[in-house]
Protein backbone atom coordinates (compact mmCIF):
# COMPACT_ATOMS: atom_id res chain seq x y z
CA UNK A 1 -3.46 -178.35 77.62
CA UNK A 2 -1.66 -181.50 78.67
CA UNK A 3 -0.50 -184.31 76.41
CA UNK A 4 1.28 -187.54 77.25
CA UNK A 5 4.88 -187.53 76.05
CA UNK A 6 6.80 -190.78 75.68
CA UNK A 7 10.46 -190.12 76.36
CA UNK A 8 13.21 -192.69 75.93
CA UNK A 9 16.90 -192.78 75.05
CA UNK A 10 17.81 -194.36 71.73
CA UNK A 11 20.83 -196.57 71.04
CA UNK A 12 23.05 -193.49 70.58
CA UNK A 13 22.02 -191.97 73.92
CA UNK A 14 19.86 -189.26 72.33
CA UNK A 15 16.48 -188.77 74.01
CA UNK A 16 13.50 -189.17 71.70
CA UNK A 17 10.15 -187.61 72.66
CA UNK A 18 6.86 -188.57 70.99
CA UNK A 19 3.25 -187.46 71.55
CA UNK A 20 0.88 -190.37 70.80
CA UNK A 21 -2.20 -188.12 70.62
CA UNK A 22 -0.53 -186.01 67.89
CA UNK A 23 0.56 -188.36 65.09
CA UNK A 24 4.00 -187.45 63.77
CA UNK A 25 4.77 -185.06 66.64
CA UNK A 26 8.27 -186.26 67.51
CA UNK A 27 11.40 -184.47 68.67
CA UNK A 28 14.70 -185.27 70.33
CA UNK A 29 17.51 -183.82 72.41
CA UNK A 30 20.98 -184.65 73.68
CA UNK A 31 19.63 -184.53 77.25
CA UNK A 32 16.27 -185.31 78.80
CA UNK A 33 15.71 -181.61 79.50
CA UNK A 34 16.56 -180.62 75.94
CA UNK A 35 14.18 -183.25 74.55
CA UNK A 36 11.37 -181.94 76.77
CA UNK A 37 12.02 -178.35 75.71
CA UNK A 38 12.06 -179.40 72.05
CA UNK A 39 8.85 -181.44 72.28
CA UNK A 40 7.05 -178.51 73.93
CA UNK A 41 7.99 -176.39 70.91
CA UNK A 42 6.91 -179.18 68.55
CA UNK A 43 3.53 -179.53 70.30
CA UNK A 44 2.93 -175.76 70.09
CA UNK A 45 3.77 -175.74 66.36
CA UNK A 46 1.60 -178.82 65.74
CA UNK A 47 -1.42 -177.26 67.48
CA UNK A 48 -0.83 -173.97 65.66
CA UNK A 49 -0.86 -175.82 62.34
CA UNK A 50 -4.09 -177.64 63.22
CA UNK A 51 -5.74 -174.32 64.11
CA UNK A 52 -4.50 -172.64 60.92
CA UNK A 53 -5.99 -175.45 58.83
CA UNK A 54 -9.27 -175.52 60.76
CA UNK A 55 -8.64 -179.03 62.03
CA UNK A 56 -9.88 -180.12 65.47
CA UNK A 57 -7.50 -179.99 68.43
CA UNK A 58 -7.16 -183.39 70.17
CA UNK A 59 -8.43 -183.22 73.75
CA UNK A 60 -6.10 -182.77 76.68
CA UNK A 61 -5.34 -185.87 78.76
CA UNK A 62 -7.39 -186.47 81.85
CA UNK A 63 -5.67 -189.57 83.12
CA UNK A 64 -3.34 -190.20 86.00
CA UNK A 65 -0.30 -192.46 86.03
CA UNK A 66 0.24 -194.32 89.28
CA UNK A 67 3.23 -196.53 90.03
CA UNK A 68 2.46 -199.59 92.09
CA UNK A 69 5.21 -201.75 93.58
CA UNK A 70 4.47 -205.45 93.98
């Protein structure tokens, strides 16, 4: 499954990763790579919890992001 992850550095230089489709699924890391690794683990745990509680799994994304220079 694929989910959109918003990744941005905070004022202290720590990278914060958030998954809009999974409310409360947030992680962080000292580097971009660490934040991505940590959010992957957070997503897996979040989905595991939903399954354990019999809650529906939000659908995977089916969109494409395109950068357009003007």
